PDB file of all heavy atoms in Angstrom:
ATOM      1  N   GLY A   1      13.013   2.849  -0.247  1.00  0.00           N
ATOM      2  CA  GLY A   1      11.935   2.178   0.712  1.00  0.00           C
ATOM      3  C   GLY A   1      12.045   2.779   2.064  1.00  0.00           C
ATOM      4  O   GLY A   1      11.308   2.305   2.911  1.00  0.00           O
ATOM      5  N   GLY A   2      12.839   3.771   2.250  1.00  0.00           N
ATOM      6  CA  GLY A   2      13.015   4.250   3.566  1.00  0.00           C
ATOM      7  C   GLY A   2      11.971   5.321   4.076  1.00  0.00           C
ATOM      8  O   GLY A   2      11.948   5.605   5.248  1.00  0.00           O
ATOM      9  N   SER A   3      11.143   5.776   3.170  1.00  0.00           N
ATOM     10  CA  SER A   3      10.113   6.698   3.516  1.00  0.00           C
ATOM     11  C   SER A   3       8.713   6.280   2.845  1.00  0.00           C
ATOM     12  O   SER A   3       8.735   5.850   1.800  1.00  0.00           O
ATOM     13  CB  SER A   3      10.531   8.130   3.044  1.00  0.00           C
ATOM     14  OG  SER A   3       9.567   9.058   3.420  1.00  0.00           O
ATOM     15  N   THR A   4       7.722   6.550   3.677  1.00  0.00           N
ATOM     16  CA  THR A   4       6.333   6.104   3.202  1.00  0.00           C
ATOM     17  C   THR A   4       5.342   7.231   3.464  1.00  0.00           C
ATOM     18  O   THR A   4       5.507   8.051   4.326  1.00  0.00           O
ATOM     19  CB  THR A   4       5.864   4.827   3.829  1.00  0.00           C
ATOM     20  OG1 THR A   4       5.810   4.949   5.251  1.00  0.00           O
ATOM     21  CG2 THR A   4       6.733   3.670   3.391  1.00  0.00           C
ATOM     22  N   SER A   5       4.207   7.206   2.781  1.00  0.00           N
ATOM     23  CA  SER A   5       3.114   8.148   2.973  1.00  0.00           C
ATOM     24  C   SER A   5       1.792   7.383   2.735  1.00  0.00           C
ATOM     25  O   SER A   5       1.756   6.562   1.868  1.00  0.00           O
ATOM     26  CB  SER A   5       3.255   9.354   2.002  1.00  0.00           C
ATOM     27  OG  SER A   5       2.190  10.251   2.158  1.00  0.00           O
ATOM     28  N   TYR A   6       0.765   7.752   3.539  1.00  0.00           N
ATOM     29  CA  TYR A   6      -0.519   7.098   3.541  1.00  0.00           C
ATOM     30  C   TYR A   6      -1.619   8.003   3.617  1.00  0.00           C
ATOM     31  O   TYR A   6      -1.527   9.100   4.348  1.00  0.00           O
ATOM     32  CB  TYR A   6      -0.652   6.029   4.654  1.00  0.00           C
ATOM     33  CG  TYR A   6       0.394   4.941   4.680  1.00  0.00           C
ATOM     34  CD1 TYR A   6       1.564   5.081   5.423  1.00  0.00           C
ATOM     35  CD2 TYR A   6       0.103   3.788   3.959  1.00  0.00           C
ATOM     36  CE1 TYR A   6       2.476   4.111   5.483  1.00  0.00           C
ATOM     37  CE2 TYR A   6       1.078   2.737   4.033  1.00  0.00           C
ATOM     38  CZ  TYR A   6       2.259   2.930   4.744  1.00  0.00           C
ATOM     39  OH  TYR A   6       3.156   1.899   4.805  1.00  0.00           O
ATOM     40  N   VAL A   7      -2.777   7.757   3.020  1.00  0.00           N
ATOM     41  CA  VAL A   7      -3.934   8.526   3.226  1.00  0.00           C
ATOM     42  C   VAL A   7      -4.422   8.107   4.673  1.00  0.00           C
ATOM     43  O   VAL A   7      -4.259   7.047   5.101  1.00  0.00           O
ATOM     44  CB  VAL A   7      -5.003   8.177   2.173  1.00  0.00           C
ATOM     45  CG1 VAL A   7      -5.537   6.746   2.301  1.00  0.00           C
ATOM     46  CG2 VAL A   7      -6.181   9.173   2.255  1.00  0.00           C
ATOM     47  N   ASP A   8      -5.013   9.042   5.332  1.00  0.00           N
ATOM     48  CA  ASP A   8      -5.367   8.990   6.661  1.00  0.00           C
ATOM     49  C   ASP A   8      -6.290   7.742   6.972  1.00  0.00           C
ATOM     50  O   ASP A   8      -6.158   7.036   7.941  1.00  0.00           O
ATOM     51  CB  ASP A   8      -6.149  10.141   7.252  1.00  0.00           C
ATOM     52  CG  ASP A   8      -5.178  11.309   7.470  1.00  0.00           C
ATOM     53  OD1 ASP A   8      -3.937  11.142   7.516  1.00  0.00           O
ATOM     54  OD2 ASP A   8      -5.707  12.474   7.666  1.00  0.00           O
ATOM     55  N   SER A   9      -7.172   7.428   6.025  1.00  0.00           N
ATOM     56  CA  SER A   9      -8.139   6.280   6.245  1.00  0.00           C
ATOM     57  C   SER A   9      -7.505   4.993   6.282  1.00  0.00           C
ATOM     58  O   SER A   9      -8.168   4.009   6.764  1.00  0.00           O
ATOM     59  CB  SER A   9      -9.232   6.330   5.234  1.00  0.00           C
ATOM     60  OG  SER A   9      -8.619   6.174   3.874  1.00  0.00           O
ATOM     61  N   VAL A  10      -6.300   4.793   5.878  1.00  0.00           N
ATOM     62  CA  VAL A  10      -5.599   3.426   5.952  1.00  0.00           C
ATOM     63  C   VAL A  10      -4.419   3.380   6.854  1.00  0.00           C
ATOM     64  O   VAL A  10      -3.787   2.310   7.021  1.00  0.00           O
ATOM     65  CB  VAL A  10      -5.134   3.000   4.502  1.00  0.00           C
ATOM     66  CG1 VAL A  10      -6.251   3.110   3.435  1.00  0.00           C
ATOM     67  CG2 VAL A  10      -3.966   3.795   4.004  1.00  0.00           C
ATOM     68  N   LYS A  11      -4.072   4.527   7.458  1.00  0.00           N
ATOM     69  CA  LYS A  11      -2.931   4.509   8.393  1.00  0.00           C
ATOM     70  C   LYS A  11      -3.185   3.472   9.578  1.00  0.00           C
ATOM     71  O   LYS A  11      -4.277   3.429  10.134  1.00  0.00           O
ATOM     72  CB  LYS A  11      -2.727   5.902   9.034  1.00  0.00           C
ATOM     73  CG  LYS A  11      -2.136   6.896   8.036  1.00  0.00           C
ATOM     74  CD  LYS A  11      -1.974   8.295   8.659  1.00  0.00           C
ATOM     75  CE  LYS A  11      -1.317   9.177   7.677  1.00  0.00           C
ATOM     76  NZ  LYS A  11      -1.220  10.559   8.279  1.00  0.00           N
ATOM     77  N   GLY A  12      -2.132   2.769   9.805  1.00  0.00           N
ATOM     78  CA  GLY A  12      -2.246   1.631  10.859  1.00  0.00           C
ATOM     79  C   GLY A  12      -2.807   0.360  10.372  1.00  0.00           C
ATOM     80  O   GLY A  12      -2.734  -0.653  11.088  1.00  0.00           O
ATOM     81  N   ARG A  13      -3.381   0.365   9.167  1.00  0.00           N
ATOM     82  CA  ARG A  13      -3.954  -0.839   8.559  1.00  0.00           C
ATOM     83  C   ARG A  13      -3.207  -1.338   7.342  1.00  0.00           C
ATOM     84  O   ARG A  13      -3.021  -2.630   7.176  1.00  0.00           O
ATOM     85  CB  ARG A  13      -5.436  -0.654   8.187  1.00  0.00           C
ATOM     86  CG  ARG A  13      -6.378  -0.240   9.334  1.00  0.00           C
ATOM     87  CD  ARG A  13      -7.800  -0.368   8.980  1.00  0.00           C
ATOM     88  NE  ARG A  13      -8.068   0.714   7.980  1.00  0.00           N
ATOM     89  CZ  ARG A  13      -8.541   0.327   6.700  1.00  0.00           C
ATOM     90  NH1 ARG A  13      -8.845  -0.869   6.506  1.00  0.00           N
ATOM     91  NH2 ARG A  13      -8.847   1.327   5.884  1.00  0.00           N
ATOM     92  N   PHE A  14      -2.718  -0.495   6.580  1.00  0.00           N
ATOM     93  CA  PHE A  14      -2.025  -0.787   5.287  1.00  0.00           C
ATOM     94  C   PHE A  14      -0.525  -0.497   5.444  1.00  0.00           C
ATOM     95  O   PHE A  14      -0.166   0.440   6.125  1.00  0.00           O
ATOM     96  CB  PHE A  14      -2.528  -0.044   4.080  1.00  0.00           C
ATOM     97  CG  PHE A  14      -3.922  -0.371   3.663  1.00  0.00           C
ATOM     98  CD1 PHE A  14      -4.750  -1.173   4.407  1.00  0.00           C
ATOM     99  CD2 PHE A  14      -4.478   0.186   2.472  1.00  0.00           C
ATOM    100  CE1 PHE A  14      -6.079  -1.546   4.022  1.00  0.00           C
ATOM    101  CE2 PHE A  14      -5.726  -0.142   1.954  1.00  0.00           C
ATOM    102  CZ  PHE A  14      -6.534  -0.992   2.777  1.00  0.00           C
ATOM    103  N   THR A  15       0.249  -1.301   4.749  1.00  0.00           N
ATOM    104  CA  THR A  15       1.675  -1.072   4.740  1.00  0.00           C
ATOM    105  C   THR A  15       2.206  -1.242   3.311  1.00  0.00           C
ATOM    106  O   THR A  15       2.010  -2.326   2.680  1.00  0.00           O
ATOM    107  CB  THR A  15       2.508  -2.038   5.613  1.00  0.00           C
ATOM    108  OG1 THR A  15       1.971  -1.949   6.994  1.00  0.00           O
ATOM    109  CG2 THR A  15       3.979  -1.796   5.597  1.00  0.00           C
ATOM    110  N   ILE A  16       2.902  -0.245   2.776  1.00  0.00           N
ATOM    111  CA  ILE A  16       3.540  -0.324   1.494  1.00  0.00           C
ATOM    112  C   ILE A  16       5.036  -0.574   1.667  1.00  0.00           C
ATOM    113  O   ILE A  16       5.670  -0.059   2.618  1.00  0.00           O
ATOM    114  CB  ILE A  16       3.321   1.083   0.646  1.00  0.00           C
ATOM    115  CG1 ILE A  16       3.772   0.872  -0.764  1.00  0.00           C
ATOM    116  CG2 ILE A  16       4.028   2.244   1.353  1.00  0.00           C
ATOM    117  CD1 ILE A  16       3.512   2.111  -1.658  1.00  0.00           C
ATOM    118  N   SER A  17       5.539  -1.425   0.740  1.00  0.00           N
ATOM    119  CA  SER A  17       6.949  -1.742   0.854  1.00  0.00           C
ATOM    120  C   SER A  17       7.448  -2.103  -0.590  1.00  0.00           C
ATOM    121  O   SER A  17       6.606  -2.260  -1.497  1.00  0.00           O
ATOM    122  CB  SER A  17       7.208  -2.926   1.737  1.00  0.00           C
ATOM    123  OG  SER A  17       6.504  -4.057   1.348  1.00  0.00           O
ATOM    124  N   ARG A  18       8.702  -2.229  -0.776  1.00  0.00           N
ATOM    125  CA  ARG A  18       9.293  -2.569  -2.055  1.00  0.00           C
ATOM    126  C   ARG A  18      10.441  -3.429  -1.966  1.00  0.00           C
ATOM    127  O   ARG A  18      11.230  -3.346  -0.946  1.00  0.00           O
ATOM    128  CB  ARG A  18       9.574  -1.309  -2.890  1.00  0.00           C
ATOM    129  CG  ARG A  18      10.679  -0.395  -2.350  1.00  0.00           C
ATOM    130  CD  ARG A  18      10.777   0.916  -2.911  1.00  0.00           C
ATOM    131  NE  ARG A  18      11.032   0.806  -4.347  1.00  0.00           N
ATOM    132  CZ  ARG A  18      10.850   1.849  -5.356  1.00  0.00           C
ATOM    133  NH1 ARG A  18      10.312   2.987  -4.866  1.00  0.00           N
ATOM    134  NH2 ARG A  18      11.128   1.624  -6.641  1.00  0.00           N
ATOM    135  N   ASP A  19      10.755  -4.233  -2.945  1.00  0.00           N
ATOM    136  CA  ASP A  19      11.899  -5.061  -3.051  1.00  0.00           C
ATOM    137  C   ASP A  19      12.547  -4.777  -4.404  1.00  0.00           C
ATOM    138  O   ASP A  19      12.146  -5.311  -5.421  1.00  0.00           O
ATOM    139  CB  ASP A  19      11.481  -6.557  -2.985  1.00  0.00           C
ATOM    140  CG  ASP A  19      12.737  -7.452  -2.905  1.00  0.00           C
ATOM    141  OD1 ASP A  19      13.858  -7.045  -3.282  1.00  0.00           O
ATOM    142  OD2 ASP A  19      12.633  -8.521  -2.389  1.00  0.00           O
ATOM    143  N   ASN A  20      13.497  -3.879  -4.389  1.00  0.00           N
ATOM    144  CA  ASN A  20      14.176  -3.411  -5.574  1.00  0.00           C
ATOM    145  C   ASN A  20      14.853  -4.512  -6.361  1.00  0.00           C
ATOM    146  O   ASN A  20      15.003  -4.496  -7.592  1.00  0.00           O
ATOM    147  CB  ASN A  20      15.175  -2.242  -5.367  1.00  0.00           C
ATOM    148  CG  ASN A  20      14.395  -0.979  -5.061  1.00  0.00           C
ATOM    149  OD1 ASN A  20      13.170  -0.831  -5.258  1.00  0.00           O
ATOM    150  ND2 ASN A  20      15.115   0.004  -4.448  1.00  0.00           N
ATOM    151  N   ALA A  21      15.378  -5.526  -5.669  1.00  0.00           N
ATOM    152  CA  ALA A  21      15.983  -6.676  -6.250  1.00  0.00           C
ATOM    153  C   ALA A  21      15.029  -7.512  -7.185  1.00  0.00           C
ATOM    154  O   ALA A  21      15.398  -8.162  -8.107  1.00  0.00           O
ATOM    155  CB  ALA A  21      16.641  -7.593  -5.213  1.00  0.00           C
ATOM    156  N   LYS A  22      13.652  -7.467  -6.726  1.00  0.00           N
ATOM    157  CA  LYS A  22      12.672  -8.178  -7.451  1.00  0.00           C
ATOM    158  C   LYS A  22      11.799  -7.295  -8.311  1.00  0.00           C
ATOM    159  O   LYS A  22      10.875  -7.748  -8.989  1.00  0.00           O
ATOM    160  CB  LYS A  22      11.817  -8.893  -6.424  1.00  0.00           C
ATOM    161  CG  LYS A  22      12.519 -10.049  -5.688  1.00  0.00           C
ATOM    162  CD  LYS A  22      11.525 -10.726  -4.721  1.00  0.00           C
ATOM    163  CE  LYS A  22      12.261 -11.801  -4.011  1.00  0.00           C
ATOM    164  NZ  LYS A  22      11.356 -12.443  -3.043  1.00  0.00           N
ATOM    165  N   ASN A  23      12.184  -6.018  -8.356  1.00  0.00           N
ATOM    166  CA  ASN A  23      11.347  -5.066  -9.130  1.00  0.00           C
ATOM    167  C   ASN A  23       9.818  -5.133  -8.744  1.00  0.00           C
ATOM    168  O   ASN A  23       9.030  -5.119  -9.685  1.00  0.00           O
ATOM    169  CB  ASN A  23      11.597  -5.245 -10.608  1.00  0.00           C
ATOM    170  CG  ASN A  23      12.897  -4.768 -11.191  1.00  0.00           C
ATOM    171  OD1 ASN A  23      13.812  -4.469 -10.413  1.00  0.00           O
ATOM    172  ND2 ASN A  23      13.090  -4.681 -12.493  1.00  0.00           N
ATOM    173  N   THR A  24       9.553  -5.187  -7.466  1.00  0.00           N
ATOM    174  CA  THR A  24       8.213  -5.333  -7.069  1.00  0.00           C
ATOM    175  C   THR A  24       7.824  -4.442  -5.865  1.00  0.00           C
ATOM    176  O   THR A  24       8.689  -4.167  -4.986  1.00  0.00           O
ATOM    177  CB  THR A  24       7.957  -6.834  -6.623  1.00  0.00           C
ATOM    178  OG1 THR A  24       8.213  -7.701  -7.725  1.00  0.00           O
ATOM    179  CG2 THR A  24       6.488  -7.018  -6.197  1.00  0.00           C
ATOM    180  N   VAL A  25       6.666  -3.822  -5.919  1.00  0.00           N
ATOM    181  CA  VAL A  25       6.138  -3.094  -4.790  1.00  0.00           C
ATOM    182  C   VAL A  25       4.919  -3.777  -4.257  1.00  0.00           C
ATOM    183  O   VAL A  25       4.217  -4.439  -5.039  1.00  0.00           O
ATOM    184  CB  VAL A  25       5.826  -1.523  -5.279  1.00  0.00           C
ATOM    185  CG1 VAL A  25       4.706  -1.573  -6.315  1.00  0.00           C
ATOM    186  CG2 VAL A  25       5.345  -0.811  -4.066  1.00  0.00           C
ATOM    187  N   TYR A  26       4.764  -3.715  -2.929  1.00  0.00           N
ATOM    188  CA  TYR A  26       3.612  -4.465  -2.306  1.00  0.00           C
ATOM    189  C   TYR A  26       2.763  -3.551  -1.460  1.00  0.00           C
ATOM    190  O   TYR A  26       3.168  -2.410  -1.071  1.00  0.00           O
ATOM    191  CB  TYR A  26       4.216  -5.432  -1.290  1.00  0.00           C
ATOM    192  CG  TYR A  26       5.215  -6.438  -1.861  1.00  0.00           C
ATOM    193  CD1 TYR A  26       6.528  -6.218  -1.826  1.00  0.00           C
ATOM    194  CD2 TYR A  26       4.728  -7.593  -2.491  1.00  0.00           C
ATOM    195  CE1 TYR A  26       7.480  -7.034  -2.379  1.00  0.00           C
ATOM    196  CE2 TYR A  26       5.594  -8.513  -3.127  1.00  0.00           C
ATOM    197  CZ  TYR A  26       7.031  -8.230  -3.027  1.00  0.00           C
ATOM    198  OH  TYR A  26       7.929  -9.103  -3.516  1.00  0.00           O
ATOM    199  N   LEU A  27       1.501  -3.936  -1.250  1.00  0.00           N
ATOM    200  CA  LEU A  27       0.615  -3.245  -0.364  1.00  0.00           C
ATOM    201  C   LEU A  27      -0.082  -4.325   0.469  1.00  0.00           C
ATOM    202  O   LEU A  27      -0.875  -5.061   0.035  1.00  0.00           O
ATOM    203  CB  LEU A  27      -0.469  -2.481  -1.167  1.00  0.00           C
ATOM    204  CG  LEU A  27      -1.374  -1.628  -0.295  1.00  0.00           C
ATOM    205  CD1 LEU A  27      -0.588  -0.521   0.360  1.00  0.00           C
ATOM    206  CD2 LEU A  27      -2.599  -1.128  -1.070  1.00  0.00           C
ATOM    207  N   GLN A  28       0.374  -4.424   1.697  1.00  0.00           N
ATOM    208  CA  GLN A  28      -0.221  -5.281   2.800  1.00  0.00           C
ATOM    209  C   GLN A  28      -1.423  -4.608   3.347  1.00  0.00           C
ATOM    210  O   GLN A  28      -1.307  -3.512   3.913  1.00  0.00           O
ATOM    211  CB  GLN A  28       0.770  -5.634   3.835  1.00  0.00           C
ATOM    212  CG  GLN A  28       0.231  -6.622   4.903  1.00  0.00           C
ATOM    213  CD  GLN A  28      -0.025  -7.954   4.378  1.00  0.00           C
ATOM    214  OE1 GLN A  28       0.776  -8.586   3.692  1.00  0.00           O
ATOM    215  NE2 GLN A  28      -1.197  -8.430   4.681  1.00  0.00           N
ATOM    216  N   MET A  29      -2.554  -5.201   3.200  1.00  0.00           N
ATOM    217  CA  MET A  29      -3.842  -4.720   3.709  1.00  0.00           C
ATOM    218  C   MET A  29      -4.467  -5.523   4.770  1.00  0.00           C
ATOM    219  O   MET A  29      -4.816  -6.666   4.519  1.00  0.00           O
ATOM    220  CB  MET A  29      -4.819  -4.588   2.475  1.00  0.00           C
ATOM    221  CG  MET A  29      -4.242  -3.946   1.243  1.00  0.00           C
ATOM    222  SD  MET A  29      -5.191  -4.190  -0.226  1.00  0.00           S
ATOM    223  CE  MET A  29      -6.648  -3.226   0.062  1.00  0.00           C
ATOM    224  N   ASN A  30      -4.459  -4.897   6.004  1.00  0.00           N
ATOM    225  CA  ASN A  30      -5.082  -5.610   7.118  1.00  0.00           C
ATOM    226  C   ASN A  30      -6.304  -4.900   7.611  1.00  0.00           C
ATOM    227  O   ASN A  30      -6.521  -3.811   7.302  1.00  0.00           O
ATOM    228  CB  ASN A  30      -4.021  -5.719   8.226  1.00  0.00           C
ATOM    229  CG  ASN A  30      -2.738  -6.508   7.888  1.00  0.00           C
ATOM    230  OD1 ASN A  30      -2.812  -7.513   7.177  1.00  0.00           O
ATOM    231  ND2 ASN A  30      -1.631  -6.066   8.419  1.00  0.00           N
ATOM    232  N   SER A  31      -7.018  -5.699   8.450  1.00  0.00           N
ATOM    233  CA  SER A  31      -8.264  -5.109   8.980  1.00  0.00           C
ATOM    234  C   SER A  31      -9.151  -4.424   7.954  1.00  0.00           C
ATOM    235  O   SER A  31      -9.593  -3.292   8.183  1.00  0.00           O
ATOM    236  CB  SER A  31      -7.940  -4.129  10.089  1.00  0.00           C
ATOM    237  OG  SER A  31      -7.118  -4.685  11.157  1.00  0.00           O
ATOM    238  N   LEU A  32      -9.349  -5.038   6.873  1.00  0.00           N
ATOM    239  CA  LEU A  32     -10.071  -4.556   5.703  1.00  0.00           C
ATOM    240  C   LEU A  32     -11.556  -4.195   6.074  1.00  0.00           C
ATOM    241  O   LEU A  32     -12.162  -4.927   6.851  1.00  0.00           O
ATOM    242  CB  LEU A  32     -10.035  -5.482   4.533  1.00  0.00           C
ATOM    243  CG  LEU A  32      -8.691  -5.492   3.782  1.00  0.00           C
ATOM    244  CD1 LEU A  32      -8.512  -6.739   2.936  1.00  0.00           C
ATOM    245  CD2 LEU A  32      -8.635  -4.224   2.995  1.00  0.00           C
ATOM    246  N   LYS A  33     -12.029  -3.116   5.490  1.00  0.00           N
ATOM    247  CA  LYS A  33     -13.340  -2.665   5.726  1.00  0.00           C
ATOM    248  C   LYS A  33     -14.024  -2.614   4.388  1.00  0.00           C
ATOM    249  O   LYS A  33     -13.506  -2.473   3.315  1.00  0.00           O
ATOM    250  CB  LYS A  33     -13.375  -1.146   6.257  1.00  0.00           C
ATOM    251  CG  LYS A  33     -12.558  -1.114   7.610  1.00  0.00           C
ATOM    252  CD  LYS A  33     -12.422   0.443   8.045  1.00  0.00           C
ATOM    253  CE  LYS A  33     -11.676   0.529   9.338  1.00  0.00           C
ATOM    254  NZ  LYS A  33     -11.553   1.988   9.777  1.00  0.00           N
ATOM    255  N   PRO A  34     -15.430  -2.608   4.371  1.00  0.00           N
ATOM    256  CA  PRO A  34     -16.158  -2.566   3.139  1.00  0.00           C
ATOM    257  C   PRO A  34     -15.887  -1.342   2.307  1.00  0.00           C
ATOM    258  O   PRO A  34     -15.844  -1.417   1.060  1.00  0.00           O
ATOM    259  CB  PRO A  34     -17.622  -2.552   3.558  1.00  0.00           C
ATOM    260  CG  PRO A  34     -17.638  -3.410   4.877  1.00  0.00           C
ATOM    261  CD  PRO A  34     -16.316  -2.935   5.540  1.00  0.00           C
ATOM    262  N   GLU A  35     -15.576  -0.220   2.950  1.00  0.00           N
ATOM    263  CA  GLU A  35     -15.227   0.976   2.211  1.00  0.00           C
ATOM    264  C   GLU A  35     -13.933   0.985   1.535  1.00  0.00           C
ATOM    265  O   GLU A  35     -13.506   1.819   0.827  1.00  0.00           O
ATOM    266  CB  GLU A  35     -15.258   2.220   3.211  1.00  0.00           C
ATOM    267  CG  GLU A  35     -14.477   2.073   4.455  1.00  0.00           C
ATOM    268  CD  GLU A  35     -15.351   1.694   5.626  1.00  0.00           C
ATOM    269  OE1 GLU A  35     -16.157   0.756   5.506  1.00  0.00           O
ATOM    270  OE2 GLU A  35     -15.176   2.224   6.731  1.00  0.00           O
ATOM    271  N   ASP A  36     -13.175  -0.071   1.744  1.00  0.00           N
ATOM    272  CA  ASP A  36     -11.828  -0.319   1.027  1.00  0.00           C
ATOM    273  C   ASP A  36     -12.105  -1.016  -0.350  1.00  0.00           C
ATOM    274  O   ASP A  36     -11.178  -1.117  -1.149  1.00  0.00           O
ATOM    275  CB  ASP A  36     -10.928  -1.274   1.889  1.00  0.00           C
ATOM    276  CG  ASP A  36     -10.382  -0.598   3.097  1.00  0.00           C
ATOM    277  OD1 ASP A  36     -10.084   0.573   3.138  1.00  0.00           O
ATOM    278  OD2 ASP A  36     -10.326  -1.291   4.138  1.00  0.00           O
ATOM    279  N   THR A  37     -13.259  -1.354  -0.608  1.00  0.00           N
ATOM    280  CA  THR A  37     -13.677  -1.950  -1.875  1.00  0.00           C
ATOM    281  C   THR A  37     -13.355  -0.985  -3.054  1.00  0.00           C
ATOM    282  O   THR A  37     -13.880   0.138  -3.121  1.00  0.00           O
ATOM    283  CB  THR A  37     -15.049  -2.394  -1.912  1.00  0.00           C
ATOM    284  OG1 THR A  37     -15.285  -3.493  -0.929  1.00  0.00           O
ATOM    285  CG2 THR A  37     -15.560  -2.957  -3.243  1.00  0.00           C
ATOM    286  N   ALA A  38     -12.614  -1.397  -4.005  1.00  0.00           N
ATOM    287  CA  ALA A  38     -12.163  -0.594  -5.173  1.00  0.00           C
ATOM    288  C   ALA A  38     -11.300  -1.340  -6.048  1.00  0.00           C
ATOM    289  O   ALA A  38     -10.843  -2.468  -5.716  1.00  0.00           O
ATOM    290  CB  ALA A  38     -11.542   0.715  -4.638  1.00  0.00           C
ATOM    291  N   VAL A  39     -11.034  -0.753  -7.240  1.00  0.00           N
ATOM    292  CA  VAL A  39      -9.935  -1.256  -8.027  1.00  0.00           C
ATOM    293  C   VAL A  39      -8.648  -0.603  -7.636  1.00  0.00           C
ATOM    294  O   VAL A  39      -8.612   0.649  -7.477  1.00  0.00           O
ATOM    295  CB  VAL A  39     -10.259  -0.944  -9.560  1.00  0.00           C
ATOM    296  CG1 VAL A  39      -8.995  -1.433 -10.423  1.00  0.00           C
ATOM    297  CG2 VAL A  39     -11.415  -1.724 -10.130  1.00  0.00           C
ATOM    298  N   TYR A  40      -7.700  -1.307  -7.361  1.00  0.00           N
ATOM    299  CA  TYR A  40      -6.349  -0.839  -6.873  1.00  0.00           C
ATOM    300  C   TYR A  40      -5.340  -0.738  -7.972  1.00  0.00           C
ATOM    301  O   TYR A  40      -5.169  -1.705  -8.697  1.00  0.00           O
ATOM    302  CB  TYR A  40      -5.828  -1.597  -5.666  1.00  0.00           C
ATOM    303  CG  TYR A  40      -6.570  -1.321  -4.467  1.00  0.00           C
ATOM    304  CD1 TYR A  40      -7.891  -1.760  -4.227  1.00  0.00           C
ATOM    305  CD2 TYR A  40      -5.913  -0.640  -3.360  1.00  0.00           C
ATOM    306  CE1 TYR A  40      -8.600  -1.493  -3.023  1.00  0.00           C
ATOM    307  CE2 TYR A  40      -6.640  -0.289  -2.199  1.00  0.00           C
ATOM    308  CZ  TYR A  40      -7.895  -0.773  -2.003  1.00  0.00           C
ATOM    309  OH  TYR A  40      -8.559  -0.438  -0.833  1.00  0.00           O
ATOM    310  N   TYR A  41      -4.726   0.422  -8.122  1.00  0.00           N
ATOM    311  CA  TYR A  41      -3.778   0.659  -9.247  1.00  0.00           C
ATOM    312  C   TYR A  41      -2.371   0.934  -8.662  1.00  0.00           C
ATOM    313  O   TYR A  41      -2.238   1.700  -7.694  1.00  0.00           O
ATOM    314  CB  TYR A  41      -4.166   1.842 -10.073  1.00  0.00           C
ATOM    315  CG  TYR A  41      -5.432   1.604 -10.808  1.00  0.00           C
ATOM    316  CD1 TYR A  41      -6.658   2.129 -10.262  1.00  0.00           C
ATOM    317  CD2 TYR A  41      -5.453   1.130 -12.109  1.00  0.00           C
ATOM    318  CE1 TYR A  41      -7.868   1.935 -10.886  1.00  0.00           C
ATOM    319  CE2 TYR A  41      -6.633   0.958 -12.783  1.00  0.00           C
ATOM    320  CZ  TYR A  41      -7.865   1.413 -12.155  1.00  0.00           C
ATOM    321  OH  TYR A  41      -9.104   1.328 -12.816  1.00  0.00           O
ATOM    322  N   CYS A  42      -1.353   0.342  -9.318  1.00  0.00           N
ATOM    323  CA  CYS A  42      -0.038   0.644  -9.034  1.00  0.00           C
ATOM    324  C   CYS A  42       0.526   1.692  -9.961  1.00  0.00           C
ATOM    325  O   CYS A  42       0.059   1.774 -11.140  1.00  0.00           O
ATOM    326  CB  CYS A  42       0.849  -0.625  -9.178  1.00  0.00           C
ATOM    327  SG  CYS A  42       2.591  -0.431  -9.104  1.00  0.00           S
ATOM    328  N   ALA A  43       1.391   2.634  -9.544  1.00  0.00           N
ATOM    329  CA  ALA A  43       1.826   3.716 -10.342  1.00  0.00           C
ATOM    330  C   ALA A  43       3.362   4.080 -10.037  1.00  0.00           C
ATOM    331  O   ALA A  43       3.781   3.879  -8.910  1.00  0.00           O
ATOM    332  CB  ALA A  43       0.985   5.032 -10.121  1.00  0.00           C
ATOM    333  N   ALA A  44       3.951   4.616 -11.042  1.00  0.00           N
ATOM    334  CA  ALA A  44       5.428   4.977 -10.883  1.00  0.00           C
ATOM    335  C   ALA A  44       5.644   6.415 -11.260  1.00  0.00           C
ATOM    336  O   ALA A  44       5.114   6.932 -12.240  1.00  0.00           O
ATOM    337  CB  ALA A  44       6.291   4.070 -11.769  1.00  0.00           C
ATOM    338  N   ASP A  45       6.513   7.046 -10.453  1.00  0.00           N
ATOM    339  CA  ASP A  45       6.807   8.518 -10.701  1.00  0.00           C
ATOM    340  C   ASP A  45       8.264   8.556 -11.202  1.00  0.00           C
ATOM    341  O   ASP A  45       9.171   8.286 -10.408  1.00  0.00           O
ATOM    342  CB  ASP A  45       6.598   9.316  -9.437  1.00  0.00           C
ATOM    343  CG  ASP A  45       7.127  10.729  -9.531  1.00  0.00           C
ATOM    344  OD1 ASP A  45       7.364  11.265 -10.700  1.00  0.00           O
ATOM    345  OD2 ASP A  45       7.352  11.327  -8.440  1.00  0.00           O
TER     346      ASP A  45
END
């Protein structure tokens, strides 16, 4: 959880974080715009 990466269009608005004790990853989305409309998918590497 110590390093993050974002696409330029969401920098400053979205925040990704994780809680390994809860096996959960989050995406906090603020200042949402119509162009953010989409299906959002979670993925693991």
